[in-house]
Amino acid sequence: MVKIRLKRVGAKKAPHYRIVAIDSRARRDGMPIEELGYYNPCSKQLHLDRQLVEKWMKNGAKPSDTVASLIRRIGKEETQAV
């Protein structure tokens, strides 16, 4: 089963995360199938390739709770910008 979840990168006490499609049995920092974006919690910077996320979700990938909330946040920002 494929999950869309965060992969931790960055220095100690300065986390950065990559949003990846990965096998659910793989470890947190394991080799992803595909990278879909990144998230920096310190600066609240978020970049997400919506087309790739939608493609993976159509193919049965389930987002983690955190990634699902980030996807909803992106959707709210897009509707406010219009």
PDB file of N, CA and C in Angstrom:
ATOM      1  N   MET A   1       0.846  -1.185   0.000  1.00  0.00           N
ATOM      2  CA  MET A   1       0.000   0.000   0.000  1.00  0.00           C
ATOM      3  C   MET A   1       0.888   1.243   0.000  1.00  0.00           C
ATOM      4  N   VAL A   2       0.529   2.203  -0.815  1.00  0.00           N
ATOM      5  CA  VAL A   2       1.313   3.431  -0.928  1.00  0.00           C
ATOM      6  C   VAL A   2       0.696   4.511  -0.032  1.00  0.00           C
ATOM      7  N   LYS A   3       1.556   5.235   0.676  1.00  0.00           N
ATOM      8  CA  LYS A   3       1.128   6.340   1.526  1.00  0.00           C
ATOM      9  C   LYS A   3       1.807   7.611   1.033  1.00  0.00           C
ATOM     10  N   ILE A   4       1.138   8.732   1.270  1.00  0.00           N
ATOM     11  CA  ILE A   4       1.746  10.044   1.037  1.00  0.00           C
ATOM     12  C   ILE A   4       2.044  10.592   2.422  1.00  0.00           C
ATOM     13  N   ARG A   5       3.317  10.753   2.728  1.00  0.00           N
ATOM     14  CA  ARG A   5       3.703  11.173   4.075  1.00  0.00           C
ATOM     15  C   ARG A   5       4.961  12.026   4.045  1.00  0.00           C
ATOM     16  N   LEU A   6       5.390  12.458   5.228  1.00  0.00           N
ATOM     17  CA  LEU A   6       6.561  13.326   5.345  1.00  0.00           C
ATOM     18  C   LEU A   6       7.827  12.504   5.530  1.00  0.00           C
ATOM     19  N   LYS A   7       8.899  12.967   4.908  1.00  0.00           N
ATOM     20  CA  LYS A   7      10.223  12.387   5.085  1.00  0.00           C
ATOM     21  C   LYS A   7      11.092  13.482   5.685  1.00  0.00           C
ATOM     22  N   ARG A   8      11.689  13.225   6.843  1.00  0.00           N
ATOM     23  CA  ARG A   8      12.447  14.264   7.544  1.00  0.00           C
ATOM     24  C   ARG A   8      13.841  14.410   6.960  1.00  0.00           C
ATOM     25  N   VAL A   9      14.203  15.651   6.703  1.00  0.00           N
ATOM     26  CA  VAL A   9      15.555  16.005   6.269  1.00  0.00           C
ATOM     27  C   VAL A   9      15.943  17.248   7.046  1.00  0.00           C
ATOM     28  N   GLY A  10      17.167  17.690   6.933  1.00  0.00           N
ATOM     29  CA  GLY A  10      17.591  18.901   7.633  1.00  0.00           C
ATOM     30  C   GLY A  10      18.419  18.565   8.865  1.00  0.00           C
ATOM     31  N   ALA A  11      18.864  19.596   9.536  1.00  0.00           N
ATOM     32  CA  ALA A  11      19.758  19.449  10.678  1.00  0.00           C
ATOM     33  C   ALA A  11      18.989  19.172  11.965  1.00  0.00           C
ATOM     34  N   LYS A  12      19.741  18.828  12.995  1.00  0.00           N
ATOM     35  CA  LYS A  12      19.150  18.630  14.303  1.00  0.00           C
ATOM     36  C   LYS A  12      18.531  19.938  14.787  1.00  0.00           C
ATOM     37  N   LYS A  13      17.326  19.870  15.295  1.00  0.00           N
ATOM     38  CA  LYS A  13      16.557  21.013  15.796  1.00  0.00           C
ATOM     39  C   LYS A  13      16.204  22.035  14.716  1.00  0.00           C
ATOM     40  N   ALA A  14      16.390  21.668  13.464  1.00  0.00           N
ATOM     41  CA  ALA A  14      15.989  22.526  12.339  1.00  0.00           C
ATOM     42  C   ALA A  14      15.387  21.630  11.251  1.00  0.00           C
ATOM     43  N   PRO A  15      14.218  21.065  11.516  1.00  0.00           N
ATOM     44  CA  PRO A  15      13.667  20.085  10.570  1.00  0.00           C
ATOM     45  C   PRO A  15      13.128  20.712   9.295  1.00  0.00           C
ATOM     46  N   HIS A  16      13.259  19.982   8.218  1.00  0.00           N
ATOM     47  CA  HIS A  16      12.621  20.257   6.949  1.00  0.00           C
ATOM     48  C   HIS A  16      12.026  18.912   6.539  1.00  0.00           C
ATOM     49  N   TYR A  17      10.946  18.942   5.821  1.00  0.00           N
ATOM     50  CA  TYR A  17      10.306  17.704   5.413  1.00  0.00           C
ATOM     51  C   TYR A  17      10.071  17.704   3.922  1.00  0.00           C
ATOM     52  N   ARG A  18      10.209  16.529   3.317  1.00  0.00           N
ATOM     53  CA  ARG A  18       9.810  16.330   1.932  1.00  0.00           C
ATOM     54  C   ARG A  18       8.513  15.536   1.959  1.00  0.00           C
ATOM     55  N   ILE A  19       7.590  15.899   1.116  1.00  0.00           N
ATOM     56  CA  ILE A  19       6.335  15.175   0.995  1.00  0.00           C
ATOM     57  C   ILE A  19       6.552  14.140  -0.105  1.00  0.00           C
ATOM     58  N   VAL A  20       6.396  12.854   0.244  1.00  0.00           N
ATOM     59  CA  VAL A  20       6.754  11.774  -0.668  1.00  0.00           C
ATOM     60  C   VAL A  20       5.650  10.733  -0.760  1.00  0.00           C
ATOM     61  N   ALA A  21       5.647  10.022  -1.874  1.00  0.00           N
ATOM     62  CA  ALA A  21       4.843   8.816  -2.029  1.00  0.00           C
ATOM     63  C   ALA A  21       5.788   7.661  -1.727  1.00  0.00           C
ATOM     64  N   ILE A  22       5.407   6.811  -0.769  1.00  0.00           N
ATOM     65  CA  ILE A  22       6.303   5.770  -0.290  1.00  0.00           C
ATOM     66  C   ILE A  22       5.492   4.551   0.130  1.00  0.00           C
ATOM     67  N   ASP A  23       6.104   3.384   0.074  1.00  0.00           N
ATOM     68  CA  ASP A  23       5.456   2.162   0.549  1.00  0.00           C
ATOM     69  C   ASP A  23       5.215   2.296   2.050  1.00  0.00           C
ATOM     70  N   SER A  24       4.039   1.921   2.508  1.00  0.00           N
ATOM     71  CA  SER A  24       3.675   2.118   3.916  1.00  0.00           C
ATOM     72  C   SER A  24       4.553   1.313   4.869  1.00  0.00           C
ATOM     73  N   ARG A  25       5.202   0.260   4.382  1.00  0.00           N
ATOM     74  CA  ARG A  25       6.058  -0.563   5.250  1.00  0.00           C
ATOM     75  C   ARG A  25       7.483  -0.025   5.365  1.00  0.00           C
ATOM     76  N   ALA A  26       7.822   0.970   4.539  1.00  0.00           N
ATOM     77  CA  ALA A  26       9.177   1.533   4.551  1.00  0.00           C
ATOM     78  C   ALA A  26       9.377   2.409   5.780  1.00  0.00           C
ATOM     79  N   ARG A  27      10.623   2.551   6.192  1.00  0.00           N
ATOM     80  CA  ARG A  27      10.928   3.407   7.343  1.00  0.00           C
ATOM     81  C   ARG A  27      10.696   4.873   6.985  1.00  0.00           C
ATOM     82  N   ARG A  28      10.677   5.730   8.009  1.00  0.00           N
ATOM     83  CA  ARG A  28      10.345   7.136   7.824  1.00  0.00           C
ATOM     84  C   ARG A  28      11.240   7.814   6.790  1.00  0.00           C
ATOM     85  N   ASP A  29      12.538   7.566   6.844  1.00  0.00           N
ATOM     86  CA  ASP A  29      13.482   8.218   5.935  1.00  0.00           C
ATOM     87  C   ASP A  29      13.925   7.291   4.816  1.00  0.00           C
ATOM     88  N   GLY A  30      13.099   6.312   4.501  1.00  0.00           N
ATOM     89  CA  GLY A  30      13.435   5.348   3.459  1.00  0.00           C
ATOM     90  C   GLY A  30      13.366   5.948   2.066  1.00  0.00           C
ATOM     91  N   MET A  31      13.682   5.112   1.094  1.00  0.00           N
ATOM     92  CA  MET A  31      13.716   5.548  -0.304  1.00  0.00           C
ATOM     93  C   MET A  31      12.286   5.727  -0.820  1.00  0.00           C
ATOM     94  N   PRO A  32      11.929   6.942  -1.236  1.00  0.00           N
ATOM     95  CA  PRO A  32      10.561   7.174  -1.717  1.00  0.00           C
ATOM     96  C   PRO A  32      10.377   6.700  -3.157  1.00  0.00           C
ATOM     97  N   ILE A  33       9.131   6.490  -3.534  1.00  0.00           N
ATOM     98  CA  ILE A  33       8.804   6.188  -4.921  1.00  0.00           C
ATOM     99  C   ILE A  33       8.907   7.467  -5.737  1.00  0.00           C
ATOM    100  N   GLU A  34       8.355   8.578  -5.172  1.00  0.00           N
ATOM    101  CA  GLU A  34       8.389   9.860  -5.868  1.00  0.00           C
ATOM    102  C   GLU A  34       8.257  10.998  -4.857  1.00  0.00           C
ATOM    103  N   GLU A  35       8.964  12.094  -5.091  1.00  0.00           N
ATOM    104  CA  GLU A  35       8.850  13.276  -4.245  1.00  0.00           C
ATOM    105  C   GLU A  35       7.778  14.194  -4.811  1.00  0.00           C
ATOM    106  N   LEU A  36       6.883  14.660  -3.929  1.00  0.00           N
ATOM    107  CA  LEU A  36       5.739  15.454  -4.359  1.00  0.00           C
ATOM    108  C   LEU A  36       5.826  16.913  -3.937  1.00  0.00           C
ATOM    109  N   GLY A  37       6.729  17.240  -3.014  1.00  0.00           N
ATOM    110  CA  GLY A  37       6.857  18.612  -2.551  1.00  0.00           C
ATOM    111  C   GLY A  37       7.713  18.682  -1.312  1.00  0.00           C
ATOM    112  N   TYR A  38       7.678  19.832  -0.625  1.00  0.00           N
ATOM    113  CA  TYR A  38       8.440  19.994   0.604  1.00  0.00           C
ATOM    114  C   TYR A  38       7.689  20.907   1.560  1.00  0.00           C
ATOM    115  N   TYR A  39       8.071  20.846   2.840  1.00  0.00           N
ATOM    116  CA  TYR A  39       7.454  21.654   3.890  1.00  0.00           C
ATOM    117  C   TYR A  39       8.511  22.033   4.904  1.00  0.00           C
ATOM    118  N   ASN A  40       8.586  23.340   5.216  1.00  0.00           N
ATOM    119  CA  ASN A  40       9.497  23.837   6.235  1.00  0.00           C
ATOM    120  C   ASN A  40       8.645  24.388   7.379  1.00  0.00           C
ATOM    121  N   PRO A  41       8.548  23.680   8.503  1.00  0.00           N
ATOM    122  CA  PRO A  41       7.682  24.138   9.591  1.00  0.00           C
ATOM    123  C   PRO A  41       8.182  25.405  10.282  1.00  0.00           C
ATOM    124  N   CYS A  42       9.455  25.699  10.191  1.00  0.00           N
ATOM    125  CA  CYS A  42       9.994  26.901  10.846  1.00  0.00           C
ATOM    126  C   CYS A  42       9.507  28.171  10.141  1.00  0.00           C
ATOM    127  N   SER A  43       9.590  28.191   8.818  1.00  0.00           N
ATOM    128  CA  SER A  43       9.163  29.368   8.062  1.00  0.00           C
ATOM    129  C   SER A  43       7.760  29.199   7.482  1.00  0.00           C
ATOM    130  N   LYS A  44       7.127  28.058   7.730  1.00  0.00           N
ATOM    131  CA  LYS A  44       5.789  27.740   7.211  1.00  0.00           C
ATOM    132  C   LYS A  44       5.759  27.718   5.685  1.00  0.00           C
ATOM    133  N   GLN A  45       6.909  27.502   5.060  1.00  0.00           N
ATOM    134  CA  GLN A  45       6.991  27.441   3.608  1.00  0.00           C
ATOM    135  C   GLN A  45       6.523  26.058   3.150  1.00  0.00           C
ATOM    136  N   LEU A  46       5.630  26.041   2.176  1.00  0.00           N
ATOM    137  CA  LEU A  46       5.045  24.798   1.690  1.00  0.00           C
ATOM    138  C   LEU A  46       4.960  24.835   0.181  1.00  0.00           C
ATOM    139  N   HIS A  47       5.462  23.803  -0.459  1.00  0.00           N
ATOM    140  CA  HIS A  47       5.340  23.656  -1.908  1.00  0.00           C
ATOM    141  C   HIS A  47       4.851  22.242  -2.170  1.00  0.00           C
ATOM    142  N   LEU A  48       3.796  22.132  -2.979  1.00  0.00           N
ATOM    143  CA  LEU A  48       3.193  20.832  -3.233  1.00  0.00           C
ATOM    144  C   LEU A  48       2.764  20.772  -4.690  1.00  0.00           C
ATOM    145  N   ASP A  49       3.137  19.718  -5.387  1.00  0.00           N
ATOM    146  CA  ASP A  49       2.722  19.518  -6.776  1.00  0.00           C
ATOM    147  C   ASP A  49       1.344  18.857  -6.757  1.00  0.00           C
ATOM    148  N   ARG A  50       0.293  19.663  -6.915  1.00  0.00           N
ATOM    149  CA  ARG A  50      -1.083  19.172  -6.789  1.00  0.00           C
ATOM    150  C   ARG A  50      -1.396  18.070  -7.804  1.00  0.00           C
ATOM    151  N   GLN A  51      -0.863  18.180  -9.016  1.00  0.00           N
ATOM    152  CA  GLN A  51      -1.154  17.180 -10.040  1.00  0.00           C
ATOM    153  C   GLN A  51      -0.596  15.816  -9.643  1.00  0.00           C
ATOM    154  N   LEU A  52       0.615  15.788  -9.097  1.00  0.00           N
ATOM    155  CA  LEU A  52       1.195  14.517  -8.668  1.00  0.00           C
ATOM    156  C   LEU A  52       0.423  13.924  -7.498  1.00  0.00           C
ATOM    157  N   VAL A  53       0.011  14.778  -6.549  1.00  0.00           N
ATOM    158  CA  VAL A  53      -0.749  14.296  -5.393  1.00  0.00           C
ATOM    159  C   VAL A  53      -2.066  13.693  -5.859  1.00  0.00           C
ATOM    160  N   GLU A  54      -2.758  14.382  -6.751  1.00  0.00           N
ATOM    161  CA  GLU A  54      -4.027  13.866  -7.256  1.00  0.00           C
ATOM    162  C   GLU A  54      -3.826  12.561  -8.008  1.00  0.00           C
ATOM    163  N   LYS A  55      -2.740  12.462  -8.791  1.00  0.00           N
ATOM    164  CA  LYS A  55      -2.455  11.229  -9.524  1.00  0.00           C
ATOM    165  C   LYS A  55      -2.281  10.057  -8.565  1.00  0.00           C
ATOM    166  N   TRP A  56      -1.500  10.270  -7.498  1.00  0.00           N
ATOM    167  CA  TRP A  56      -1.255   9.194  -6.539  1.00  0.00           C
ATOM    168  C   TRP A  56      -2.512   8.827  -5.763  1.00  0.00           C
ATOM    169  N   MET A  57      -3.330   9.834  -5.423  1.00  0.00           N
ATOM    170  CA  MET A  57      -4.552   9.540  -4.682  1.00  0.00           C
ATOM    171  C   MET A  57      -5.570   8.796  -5.558  1.00  0.00           C
ATOM    172  N   LYS A  58      -5.605   9.088  -6.853  1.00  0.00           N
ATOM    173  CA  LYS A  58      -6.469   8.337  -7.767  1.00  0.00           C
ATOM    174  C   LYS A  58      -6.027   6.890  -7.880  1.00  0.00           C
ATOM    175  N   ASN A  59      -4.722   6.658  -7.731  1.00  0.00           N
ATOM    176  CA  ASN A  59      -4.187   5.300  -7.802  1.00  0.00           C
ATOM    177  C   ASN A  59      -4.244   4.572  -6.462  1.00  0.00           C
ATOM    178  N   GLY A  60      -4.863   5.194  -5.441  1.00  0.00           N
ATOM    179  CA  GLY A  60      -5.081   4.489  -4.181  1.00  0.00           C
ATOM    180  C   GLY A  60      -4.176   4.875  -3.042  1.00  0.00           C
ATOM    181  N   ALA A  61      -3.310   5.859  -3.204  1.00  0.00           N
ATOM    182  CA  ALA A  61      -2.427   6.284  -2.115  1.00  0.00           C
ATOM    183  C   ALA A  61      -3.225   7.035  -1.061  1.00  0.00           C
ATOM    184  N   LYS A  62      -2.936   6.777   0.216  1.00  0.00           N
ATOM    185  CA  LYS A  62      -3.619   7.436   1.323  1.00  0.00           C
ATOM    186  C   LYS A  62      -2.666   8.426   1.972  1.00  0.00           C
ATOM    187  N   PRO A  63      -3.093   9.689   2.138  1.00  0.00           N
ATOM    188  CA  PRO A  63      -2.222  10.658   2.814  1.00  0.00           C
ATOM    189  C   PRO A  63      -2.266  10.458   4.325  1.00  0.00           C
ATOM    190  N   SER A  64      -1.153  10.751   4.984  1.00  0.00           N
ATOM    191  CA  SER A  64      -1.133  10.721   6.446  1.00  0.00           C
ATOM    192  C   SER A  64      -1.972  11.888   6.954  1.00  0.00           C
ATOM    193  N   ASP A  65      -2.274  11.896   8.249  1.00  0.00           N
ATOM    194  CA  ASP A  65      -3.095  12.970   8.818  1.00  0.00           C
ATOM    195  C   ASP A  65      -2.444  14.340   8.613  1.00  0.00           C
ATOM    196  N   THR A  66      -1.130  14.408   8.825  1.00  0.00           N
ATOM    197  CA  THR A  66      -0.417  15.681   8.682  1.00  0.00           C
ATOM    198  C   THR A  66      -0.431  16.159   7.235  1.00  0.00           C
ATOM    199  N   VAL A  67      -0.180  15.258   6.313  1.00  0.00           N
ATOM    200  CA  VAL A  67      -0.165  15.631   4.900  1.00  0.00           C
ATOM    201  C   VAL A  67      -1.577  16.029   4.453  1.00  0.00           C
ATOM    202  N   ALA A  68      -2.591  15.353   4.953  1.00  0.00           N
ATOM    203  CA  ALA A  68      -3.967  15.712   4.602  1.00  0.00           C
ATOM    204  C   ALA A  68      -4.287  17.136   5.050  1.00  0.00           C
ATOM    205  N   SER A  69      -3.816  17.515   6.234  1.00  0.00           N
ATOM    206  CA  SER A  69      -4.065  18.884   6.698  1.00  0.00           C
ATOM    207  C   SER A  69      -3.286  19.902   5.866  1.00  0.00           C
ATOM    208  N   LEU A  70      -2.084  19.548   5.414  1.00  0.00           N
ATOM    209  CA  LEU A  70      -1.316  20.453   4.547  1.00  0.00           C
ATOM    210  C   LEU A  70      -2.011  20.618   3.193  1.00  0.00           C
ATOM    211  N   ILE A  71      -2.592  19.543   2.669  1.00  0.00           N
ATOM    212  CA  ILE A  71      -3.315  19.613   1.397  1.00  0.00           C
ATOM    213  C   ILE A  71      -4.534  20.524   1.553  1.00  0.00           C
ATOM    214  N   ARG A  72      -5.250  20.397   2.668  1.00  0.00           N
ATOM    215  CA  ARG A  72      -6.405  21.262   2.911  1.00  0.00           C
ATOM    216  C   ARG A  72      -5.972  22.720   3.030  1.00  0.00           C
ATOM    217  N   ARG A  73      -4.811  22.952   3.672  1.00  0.00           N
ATOM    218  CA  ARG A  73      -4.304  24.315   3.828  1.00  0.00           C
ATOM    219  C   ARG A  73      -3.995  24.940   2.468  1.00  0.00           C
ATOM    220  N   ILE A  74      -3.399  24.185   1.574  1.00  0.00           N
ATOM    221  CA  ILE A  74      -3.106  24.668   0.216  1.00  0.00           C
ATOM    222  C   ILE A  74      -4.414  25.018  -0.495  1.00  0.00           C
ATOM    223  N   GLY A  75      -5.436  24.184  -0.345  1.00  0.00           N
ATOM    224  CA  GLY A  75      -6.724  24.437  -0.979  1.00  0.00           C
ATOM    225  C   GLY A  75      -7.357  25.722  -0.482  1.00  0.00           C
ATOM    226  N   LYS A  76      -7.261  25.984   0.822  1.00  0.00           N
ATOM    227  CA  LYS A  76      -7.824  27.210   1.387  1.00  0.00           C
ATOM    228  C   LYS A  76      -7.087  28.436   0.874  1.00  0.00           C
ATOM    229  N   GLU A  77      -5.761  28.350   0.770  1.00  0.00           N
ATOM    230  CA  GLU A  77      -4.969  29.482   0.288  1.00  0.00           C
ATOM    231  C   GLU A  77      -5.306  29.801  -1.170  1.00  0.00           C
ATOM    232  N   GLU A  78      -5.543  28.757  -1.984  1.00  0.00           N
ATOM    233  CA  GLU A  78      -5.867  28.980  -3.395  1.00  0.00           C
ATOM    234  C   GLU A  78      -7.224  29.652  -3.528  1.00  0.00           C
ATOM    235  N   THR A  79      -8.201  29.252  -2.712  1.00  0.00           N
ATOM    236  CA  THR A  79      -9.535  29.853  -2.817  1.00  0.00           C
ATOM    237  C   THR A  79      -9.539  31.295  -2.322  1.00  0.00           C
ATOM    238  N   GLN A  80      -8.702  31.617  -1.335  1.00  0.00           N
ATOM    239  CA  GLN A  80      -8.619  32.985  -0.831  1.00  0.00           C
ATOM    240  C   GLN A  80      -7.920  33.897  -1.825  1.00  0.00           C
ATOM    241  N   ALA A  81      -7.001  33.359  -2.611  1.00  0.00           N
ATOM    242  CA  ALA A  81      -6.249  34.175  -3.571  1.00  0.00           C
ATOM    243  C   ALA A  81      -7.115  34.577  -4.768  1.00  0.00           C
ATOM    244  N   VAL A  82      -8.150  33.809  -5.022  1.00  0.00           N
ATOM    245  CA  VAL A  82      -9.004  34.082  -6.208  1.00  0.00           C
ATOM    246  C   VAL A  82      -9.924  35.217  -5.991  1.00  0.00           C
TER     247      VAL A  82
END
